C-alpha atoms as a PDB file:
ATOM      1  CA  MET A   1      38.438 118.079  60.259  1.00  0.00           C
ATOM      2  CA  GLU A   2      40.161 117.865  63.629  1.00  0.00           C
ATOM      3  CA  ASP A   3      39.036 120.441  66.204  1.00  0.00           C
ATOM      4  CA  ASN A   4      42.152 122.231  67.454  1.00  0.00           C
ATOM      5  CA  THR A   5      40.345 125.064  69.231  1.00  0.00           C
ATOM      6  CA  THR A   6      40.726 125.695  72.941  1.00  0.00           C
ATOM      7  CA  THR A   7      38.468 127.132  75.620  1.00  0.00           C
ATOM      8  CA  HIS A   8      38.715 127.997  79.289  1.00  0.00           C
ATOM      9  CA  PHE A   9      38.309 125.532  82.103  1.00  0.00           C
ATOM     10  CA  GLY A  10      38.560 127.898  85.027  1.00  0.00           C
ATOM     11  CA  TYR A  11      41.818 129.740  84.347  1.00  0.00           C
ATOM     12  CA  GLN A  12      43.259 126.879  82.292  1.00  0.00           C
ATOM     13  CA  GLN A  13      43.037 126.531  78.530  1.00  0.00           C
ATOM     14  CA  VAL A  14      41.895 123.079  77.421  1.00  0.00           C
ATOM     15  CA  PRO A  15      40.851 121.611  74.058  1.00  0.00           C
ATOM     16  CA  THR A  16      37.256 122.645  73.398  1.00  0.00           C
ATOM     17  CA  LYS A  17      36.251 119.032  72.801  1.00  0.00           C
ATOM     18  CA  ASP A  18      37.536 118.075  76.281  1.00  0.00           C
ATOM     19  CA  LYS A  19      35.882 120.735  78.445  1.00  0.00           C
ATOM     20  CA  ALA A  20      32.697 118.762  79.074  1.00  0.00           C
ATOM     21  CA  LYS A  21      34.796 115.826  80.285  1.00  0.00           C
ATOM     22  CA  HIS A  22      36.715 118.052  82.729  1.00  0.00           C
ATOM     23  CA  VAL A  23      33.498 119.587  84.070  1.00  0.00           C
ATOM     24  CA  ALA A  24      32.011 116.108  84.457  1.00  0.00           C
ATOM     25  CA  GLU A  25      34.978 115.049  86.577  1.00  0.00           C
ATOM     26  CA  VAL A  26      34.393 118.014  88.903  1.00  0.00           C
ATOM     27  CA  PHE A  27      30.757 117.112  89.519  1.00  0.00           C
ATOM     28  CA  HIS A  28      31.374 113.366  89.773  1.00  0.00           C
ATOM     29  CA  SER A  29      33.753 114.281  92.598  1.00  0.00           C
ATOM     30  CA  VAL A  30      31.380 116.502  94.574  1.00  0.00           C
ATOM     31  CA  ALA A  31      27.928 115.035  93.774  1.00  0.00           C
ATOM     32  CA  ASN A  32      27.317 113.326  97.109  1.00  0.00           C
ATOM     33  CA  ARG A  33      28.230 116.442  99.114  1.00  0.00           C
ATOM     34  CA  TYR A  34      26.855 119.014  96.676  1.00  0.00           C
ATOM     35  CA  ASP A  35      23.938 120.227  98.815  1.00  0.00           C
ATOM     36  CA  LEU A  36      26.067 120.436 101.954  1.00  0.00           C
ATOM     37  CA  MET A  37      28.700 122.466 100.141  1.00  0.00           C
ATOM     38  CA  ASN A  38      26.097 124.826  98.686  1.00  0.00           C
ATOM     39  CA  ASP A  39      24.857 125.569 102.200  1.00  0.00           C
ATOM     40  CA  LEU A  40      28.387 126.070 103.529  1.00  0.00           C
ATOM     41  CA  MET A  41      29.584 128.206 100.626  1.00  0.00           C
ATOM     42  CA  SER A  42      26.591 130.524 100.552  1.00  0.00           C
ATOM     43  CA  MET A  43      25.698 130.302 104.253  1.00  0.00           C
ATOM     44  CA  GLY A  44      22.309 129.050 103.093  1.00  0.00           C
ATOM     45  CA  ILE A  45      21.565 132.103 100.948  1.00  0.00           C
ATOM     46  CA  HIS A  46      21.374 129.985  97.777  1.00  0.00           C
ATOM     47  CA  ARG A  47      17.946 128.871  99.008  1.00  0.00           C
ATOM     48  CA  LEU A  48      16.723 132.475  98.919  1.00  0.00           C
ATOM     49  CA  TRP A  49      18.157 132.965  95.421  1.00  0.00           C
ATOM     50  CA  LYS A  50      16.289 129.884  94.228  1.00  0.00           C
ATOM     51  CA  ARG A  51      13.101 130.938  96.006  1.00  0.00           C
ATOM     52  CA  PHE A  52      13.242 134.278  94.167  1.00  0.00           C
ATOM     53  CA  THR A  53      13.703 132.399  90.889  1.00  0.00           C
ATOM     54  CA  LEU A  54      10.647 130.252  91.569  1.00  0.00           C
ATOM     55  CA  HIS A  55       8.569 133.282  92.516  1.00  0.00           C
ATOM     56  CA  ASN A  56       9.503 134.997  89.250  1.00  0.00           C
ATOM     57  CA  SER A  57       8.846 131.962  87.080  1.00  0.00           C
ATOM     58  CA  ASN A  58       5.044 132.427  87.226  1.00  0.00           C
ATOM     59  CA  VAL A  59       4.743 128.676  86.676  1.00  0.00           C
ATOM     60  CA  ARG A  60       1.172 127.452  87.103  1.00  0.00           C
ATOM     61  CA  ARG A  61      -0.712 124.159  87.360  1.00  0.00           C
ATOM     62  CA  GLY A  62      -0.390 122.019  84.271  1.00  0.00           C
ATOM     63  CA  ALA A  63       2.778 123.709  83.011  1.00  0.00           C
ATOM     64  CA  GLN A  64       5.666 121.903  81.327  1.00  0.00           C
ATOM     65  CA  VAL A  65       9.013 122.871  82.903  1.00  0.00           C
ATOM     66  CA  LEU A  66      12.590 121.994  81.977  1.00  0.00           C
ATOM     67  CA  ASP A  67      15.181 122.344  84.755  1.00  0.00           C
ATOM     68  CA  ILE A  68      18.578 122.183  83.006  1.00  0.00           C
ATOM     69  CA  ALA A  69      21.646 121.351  85.102  1.00  0.00           C
ATOM     70  CA  GLY A  70      19.061 120.507  87.748  1.00  0.00           C
ATOM     71  CA  GLY A  71      21.574 118.572  89.820  1.00  0.00           C
ATOM     72  CA  THR A  72      20.188 117.450  93.149  1.00  0.00           C
ATOM     73  CA  GLY A  73      16.719 118.757  92.333  1.00  0.00           C
ATOM     74  CA  ASP A  74      16.153 121.840  94.524  1.00  0.00           C
ATOM     75  CA  LEU A  75      14.215 123.710  91.835  1.00  0.00           C
ATOM     76  CA  THR A  76      12.666 120.575  90.371  1.00  0.00           C
ATOM     77  CA  ALA A  77      11.098 119.659  93.716  1.00  0.00           C
ATOM     78  CA  ARG A  78       9.412 123.036  94.013  1.00  0.00           C
ATOM     79  CA  PHE A  79       8.333 123.091  90.377  1.00  0.00           C
ATOM     80  CA  SER A  80       6.801 119.638  90.882  1.00  0.00           C
ATOM     81  CA  ASP A  81       4.513 121.139  93.518  1.00  0.00           C
ATOM     82  CA  LEU A  82       3.672 124.166  91.365  1.00  0.00           C
ATOM     83  CA  VAL A  83       2.702 122.268  88.199  1.00  0.00           C
ATOM     84  CA  GLY A  84       0.722 119.582  90.025  1.00  0.00           C
ATOM     85  CA  PRO A  85      -0.293 116.176  88.660  1.00  0.00           C
ATOM     86  CA  SER A  86      -1.436 117.626  85.330  1.00  0.00           C
ATOM     87  CA  GLY A  87       1.971 119.186  84.685  1.00  0.00           C
ATOM     88  CA  LYS A  88       5.440 117.814  84.062  1.00  0.00           C
ATOM     89  CA  VAL A  89       8.951 118.753  85.183  1.00  0.00           C
ATOM     90  CA  VAL A  90      12.024 117.407  83.430  1.00  0.00           C
ATOM     91  CA  LEU A  91      15.204 117.374  85.485  1.00  0.00           C
ATOM     92  CA  ALA A  92      18.052 117.391  82.966  1.00  0.00           C
ATOM     93  CA  ASP A  93      21.750 117.209  83.737  1.00  0.00           C
ATOM     94  CA  ILE A  94      24.774 116.297  81.658  1.00  0.00           C
ATOM     95  CA  ASN A  95      26.360 114.584  84.654  1.00  0.00           C
ATOM     96  CA  ALA A  96      25.134 111.088  85.524  1.00  0.00           C
ATOM     97  CA  SER A  97      26.314 111.299  89.146  1.00  0.00           C
ATOM     98  CA  MET A  98      24.385 114.503  89.786  1.00  0.00           C
ATOM     99  CA  LEU A  99      21.316 113.121  88.012  1.00  0.00           C
ATOM    100  CA  ASN A 100      21.379 109.974  90.137  1.00  0.00           C
ATOM    101  CA  VAL A 101      21.668 111.984  93.355  1.00  0.00           C
ATOM    102  CA  GLY A 102      18.753 114.164  92.249  1.00  0.00           C
ATOM    103  CA  ARG A 103      16.592 111.162  91.330  1.00  0.00           C
ATOM    104  CA  ASP A 104      17.271 109.448  94.663  1.00  0.00           C
ATOM    105  CA  ARG A 105      16.590 112.603  96.642  1.00  0.00           C
ATOM    106  CA  LEU A 106      13.329 113.430  94.885  1.00  0.00           C
ATOM    107  CA  THR A 107      12.135 109.839  95.087  1.00  0.00           C
ATOM    108  CA  ASP A 108      12.786 109.906  98.832  1.00  0.00           C
ATOM    109  CA  LEU A 109      10.686 113.080  99.002  1.00  0.00           C
ATOM    110  CA  GLY A 110       7.834 111.307  97.204  1.00  0.00           C
ATOM    111  CA  LYS A 111       7.947 113.692  94.252  1.00  0.00           C
ATOM    112  CA  SER A 112       8.587 111.305  91.391  1.00  0.00           C
ATOM    113  CA  GLY A 113       5.039 111.250  89.977  1.00  0.00           C
ATOM    114  CA  ASN A 114       5.294 114.213  87.621  1.00  0.00           C
ATOM    115  CA  ILE A 115       9.088 114.306  87.146  1.00  0.00           C
ATOM    116  CA  ASP A 116      11.166 112.865  84.297  1.00  0.00           C
ATOM    117  CA  TYR A 117      14.967 112.514  84.393  1.00  0.00           C
ATOM    118  CA  VAL A 118      17.067 113.025  81.286  1.00  0.00           C
ATOM    119  CA  GLN A 119      20.835 113.058  80.875  1.00  0.00           C
ATOM    120  CA  ALA A 120      21.304 115.863  78.382  1.00  0.00           C
ATOM    121  CA  ASN A 121      23.761 118.408  77.072  1.00  0.00           C
ATOM    122  CA  ALA A 122      22.369 121.958  77.148  1.00  0.00           C
ATOM    123  CA  GLU A 123      23.930 122.627  73.754  1.00  0.00           C
ATOM    124  CA  ALA A 124      21.787 119.948  72.077  1.00  0.00           C
ATOM    125  CA  LEU A 125      18.653 119.421  74.128  1.00  0.00           C
ATOM    126  CA  PRO A 126      16.897 116.173  73.106  1.00  0.00           C
ATOM    127  CA  PHE A 127      13.371 117.579  73.079  1.00  0.00           C
ATOM    128  CA  PRO A 128      11.017 118.650  70.290  1.00  0.00           C
ATOM    129  CA  ASP A 129      10.562 122.292  69.366  1.00  0.00           C
ATOM    130  CA  ASN A 130       8.058 124.272  71.441  1.00  0.00           C
ATOM    131  CA  SER A 131       7.907 121.757  74.313  1.00  0.00           C
ATOM    132  CA  PHE A 132       8.147 123.816  77.517  1.00  0.00           C
ATOM    133  CA  ASP A 133       6.387 126.739  79.141  1.00  0.00           C
ATOM    134  CA  CYS A 134       9.447 127.520  81.268  1.00  0.00           C
ATOM    135  CA  VAL A 135      13.135 126.598  81.090  1.00  0.00           C
ATOM    136  CA  THR A 136      15.490 127.205  83.997  1.00  0.00           C
ATOM    137  CA  ILE A 137      19.210 126.729  84.445  1.00  0.00           C
ATOM    138  CA  ALA A 138      20.604 127.474  87.899  1.00  0.00           C
ATOM    139  CA  PHE A 139      24.363 127.689  88.430  1.00  0.00           C
ATOM    140  CA  GLY A 140      24.996 125.624  85.321  1.00  0.00           C
ATOM    141  CA  LEU A 141      25.469 127.958  82.368  1.00  0.00           C
ATOM    142  CA  ARG A 142      29.022 128.909  83.341  1.00  0.00           C
ATOM    143  CA  ASN A 143      30.031 125.249  82.905  1.00  0.00           C
ATOM    144  CA  VAL A 144      28.662 124.998  79.358  1.00  0.00           C
ATOM    145  CA  THR A 145      31.306 124.989  76.628  1.00  0.00           C
ATOM    146  CA  ASP A 146      29.338 126.835  73.907  1.00  0.00           C
ATOM    147  CA  LYS A 147      26.934 129.144  75.732  1.00  0.00           C
ATOM    148  CA  ASP A 148      25.556 130.717  72.549  1.00  0.00           C
ATOM    149  CA  LYS A 149      24.648 127.308  71.185  1.00  0.00           C
ATOM    150  CA  ALA A 150      23.027 126.363  74.487  1.00  0.00           C
ATOM    151  CA  LEU A 151      20.941 129.535  74.540  1.00  0.00           C
ATOM    152  CA  ARG A 152      19.674 128.805  71.022  1.00  0.00           C
ATOM    153  CA  SER A 153      18.843 125.254  72.075  1.00  0.00           C
ATOM    154  CA  MET A 154      16.857 126.546  75.059  1.00  0.00           C
ATOM    155  CA  LEU A 155      14.984 128.985  72.815  1.00  0.00           C
ATOM    156  CA  ARG A 156      14.094 126.184  70.411  1.00  0.00           C
ATOM    157  CA  VAL A 157      12.470 123.964  73.067  1.00  0.00           C
ATOM    158  CA  LEU A 158      10.459 126.810  74.616  1.00  0.00           C
ATOM    159  CA  LYS A 159       6.874 127.306  73.536  1.00  0.00           C
ATOM    160  CA  PRO A 160       5.956 130.702  72.072  1.00  0.00           C
ATOM    161  CA  GLY A 161       5.342 132.924  75.083  1.00  0.00           C
ATOM    162  CA  GLY A 162       7.591 130.692  77.179  1.00  0.00           C
ATOM    163  CA  ARG A 163      10.279 132.026  79.463  1.00  0.00           C
ATOM    164  CA  LEU A 164      13.926 131.246  80.195  1.00  0.00           C
ATOM    165  CA  LEU A 165      15.346 131.952  83.654  1.00  0.00           C
ATOM    166  CA  ILE A 166      19.106 131.829  84.218  1.00  0.00           C
ATOM    167  CA  LEU A 167      20.287 131.963  87.826  1.00  0.00           C
ATOM    168  CA  GLU A 168      24.046 132.314  87.902  1.00  0.00           C
ATOM    169  CA  PHE A 169      26.997 133.813  89.722  1.00  0.00           C
ATOM    170  CA  SER A 170      27.859 137.142  88.192  1.00  0.00           C
ATOM    171  CA  GLN A 171      29.909 140.318  88.673  1.00  0.00           C
ATOM    172  CA  PRO A 172      29.612 141.740  92.212  1.00  0.00           C
ATOM    173  CA  ALA A 173      29.697 145.427  93.054  1.00  0.00           C
ATOM    174  CA  SER A 174      33.216 146.871  93.061  1.00  0.00           C
ATOM    175  CA  TRP A 175      33.194 147.586  96.791  1.00  0.00           C
ATOM    176  CA  LEU A 176      32.584 143.908  97.488  1.00  0.00           C
ATOM    177  CA  THR A 177      35.156 142.471  95.084  1.00  0.00           C
ATOM    178  CA  PRO A 178      38.217 142.348  97.386  1.00  0.00           C
ATOM    179  CA  VAL A 179      36.360 140.483 100.139  1.00  0.00           C
ATOM    180  CA  TYR A 180      34.619 138.232  97.639  1.00  0.00           C
ATOM    181  CA  ASP A 181      37.918 137.344  95.939  1.00  0.00           C
ATOM    182  CA  THR A 182      39.564 136.513  99.245  1.00  0.00           C
ATOM    183  CA  TYR A 183      36.656 134.285 100.222  1.00  0.00           C
ATOM    184  CA  SER A 184      36.549 132.597  96.812  1.00  0.00           C
ATOM    185  CA  PHE A 185      40.227 131.792  96.460  1.00  0.00           C
ATOM    186  CA  LYS A 186      41.273 131.310 100.076  1.00  0.00           C
ATOM    187  CA  VAL A 187      38.233 129.952 101.922  1.00  0.00           C
ATOM    188  CA  LEU A 188      36.343 127.896  99.292  1.00  0.00           C
ATOM    189  CA  PRO A 189      39.212 125.500  98.496  1.00  0.00           C
ATOM    190  CA  VAL A 190      39.719 124.906 102.223  1.00  0.00           C
ATOM    191  CA  LEU A 191      36.014 124.090 102.672  1.00  0.00           C
ATOM    192  CA  GLY A 192      36.230 121.779  99.672  1.00  0.00           C
ATOM    193  CA  LYS A 193      39.212 119.983 101.150  1.00  0.00           C
ATOM    194  CA  LEU A 194      37.579 119.631 104.578  1.00  0.00           C
ATOM    195  CA  PHE A 195      34.149 118.421 103.484  1.00  0.00           C
ATOM    196  CA  THR A 196      34.730 116.666 100.141  1.00  0.00           C
ATOM    197  CA  ASN A 197      38.492 116.051 100.216  1.00  0.00           C
ATOM    198  CA  ASP A 198      38.601 117.989  96.952  1.00  0.00           C
ATOM    199  CA  ALA A 199      40.100 121.486  96.985  1.00  0.00           C
ATOM    200  CA  ASP A 200      40.660 121.563  93.213  1.00  0.00           C
ATOM    201  CA  SER A 201      36.973 121.356  92.306  1.00  0.00           C
ATOM    202  CA  TYR A 202      36.179 124.374  94.453  1.00  0.00           C
ATOM    203  CA  ARG A 203      39.152 126.257  93.091  1.00  0.00           C
ATOM    204  CA  TYR A 204      37.670 125.589  89.659  1.00  0.00           C
ATOM    205  CA  LEU A 205      34.315 126.899  90.912  1.00  0.00           C
ATOM    206  CA  ALA A 206      35.885 130.234  91.881  1.00  0.00           C
ATOM    207  CA  GLU A 207      37.741 130.481  88.588  1.00  0.00           C
ATOM    208  CA  SER A 208      34.724 129.534  86.475  1.00  0.00           C
ATOM    209  CA  ILE A 209      32.700 132.335  88.050  1.00  0.00           C
ATOM    210  CA  ARG A 210      35.345 134.879  86.981  1.00  0.00           C
ATOM    211  CA  MET A 211      35.327 133.550  83.426  1.00  0.00           C
ATOM    212  CA  HIS A 212      31.524 133.733  83.109  1.00  0.00           C
ATOM    213  CA  PRO A 213      30.034 136.692  81.188  1.00  0.00           C
ATOM    214  CA  ASP A 214      28.974 139.608  83.372  1.00  0.00           C
ATOM    215  CA  GLN A 215      25.363 140.756  83.631  1.00  0.00           C
ATOM    216  CA  SER A 216      25.218 143.035  80.595  1.00  0.00           C
ATOM    217  CA  THR A 217      27.220 140.646  78.393  1.00  0.00           C
ATOM    218  CA  LEU A 218      24.908 137.734  79.168  1.00  0.00           C
ATOM    219  CA  LYS A 219      21.887 139.940  78.501  1.00  0.00           C
ATOM    220  CA  THR A 220      23.289 140.745  75.056  1.00  0.00           C
ATOM    221  CA  MET A 221      24.021 137.064  74.383  1.00  0.00           C
ATOM    222  CA  MET A 222      20.407 136.176  75.187  1.00  0.00           C
ATOM    223  CA  GLN A 223      19.126 138.897  72.865  1.00  0.00           C
ATOM    224  CA  GLU A 224      21.418 137.722  70.062  1.00  0.00           C
ATOM    225  CA  ALA A 225      20.152 134.144  70.559  1.00  0.00           C
ATOM    226  CA  GLY A 226      16.610 135.422  69.851  1.00  0.00           C
ATOM    227  CA  PHE A 227      15.137 136.073  73.302  1.00  0.00           C
ATOM    228  CA  GLU A 228      12.982 139.157  73.807  1.00  0.00           C
ATOM    229  CA  ARG A 229      12.176 141.330  76.817  1.00  0.00           C
ATOM    230  CA  VAL A 230      15.518 140.286  78.310  1.00  0.00           C
ATOM    231  CA  ASP A 231      16.344 141.697  81.723  1.00  0.00           C
ATOM    232  CA  TYR A 232      18.246 140.788  84.864  1.00  0.00           C
ATOM    233  CA  PHE A 233      17.997 141.336  88.590  1.00  0.00           C
ATOM    234  CA  ASN A 234      21.040 141.457  90.859  1.00  0.00           C
ATOM    235  CA  MET A 235      21.003 139.701  94.211  1.00  0.00           C
ATOM    236  CA  SER A 236      23.512 139.906  97.054  1.00  0.00           C
ATOM    237  CA  ALA A 237      25.176 142.981  95.510  1.00  0.00           C
ATOM    238  CA  GLY A 238      25.597 141.250  92.153  1.00  0.00           C
ATOM    239  CA  ILE A 239      27.249 138.073  93.409  1.00  0.00           C
ATOM    240  CA  VAL A 240      24.307 136.343  91.733  1.00  0.00           C
ATOM    241  CA  ALA A 241      21.991 137.570  88.990  1.00  0.00           C
ATOM    242  CA  LEU A 242      18.710 136.244  87.633  1.00  0.00           C
ATOM    243  CA  HIS A 243      18.378 136.776  83.881  1.00  0.00           C
ATOM    244  CA  SER A 244      15.012 136.445  82.175  1.00  0.00           C
ATOM    245  CA  GLY A 245      13.978 136.300  78.541  1.00  0.00           C
ATOM    246  CA  TYR A 246      10.896 135.318  76.530  1.00  0.00           C
ATOM    247  CA  LYS A 247      10.275 133.518  73.248  1.00  0.00           C
ATOM    248  CA  PHE A 248       7.730 135.205  71.012  1.00  0.00           C
END
């Protein structure tokens, strides 16, 4: 049966079957300047958000970690140090351009010994059940077409007692919203045009954040997918939130 459903791509409606292709085009366009743009957009604060995520992961030596939508490998590099030679980190990304940039960067850093690279869709992770002690997805869930399906897939590959961490843009405090909206829709596209010659991709970024579930909605989605002890922590007045849930 032909799939005639639609879903959002930023503020546009596109055929559900085509969303992944549109998202891929965005990240093919910005892959080589992705780290630079992250620093410019967040004024470097994204590094603190990721550091907080790592601190809360409680990952130890010998652990098996899956970094979904791992992109250029910021979290993977740190997890590689935490798990040591007896552990393993899998950097997974649906986008080949981002995966290649991440592989090259981590190889240059000399961190390829305990890292695997897998091109994978979060909705259908190609790993056996109960494979990982920790699964992370940082700034990637909002780009996934079927988030509920992806959450169930993440639960499946976690070991019992394992933990999912979702770092994602979220709903900021009301007092911050006017300034945040002005920055997102006026400044970000200009930065994108200046540094990547691509304003549209950064306009999509701003729109995709607004279409992503807010903190309490995502918490409920995780609980409905089967995660337990689900909670979240707001950072930067709710611009970003870290959600956490366990598999028991």
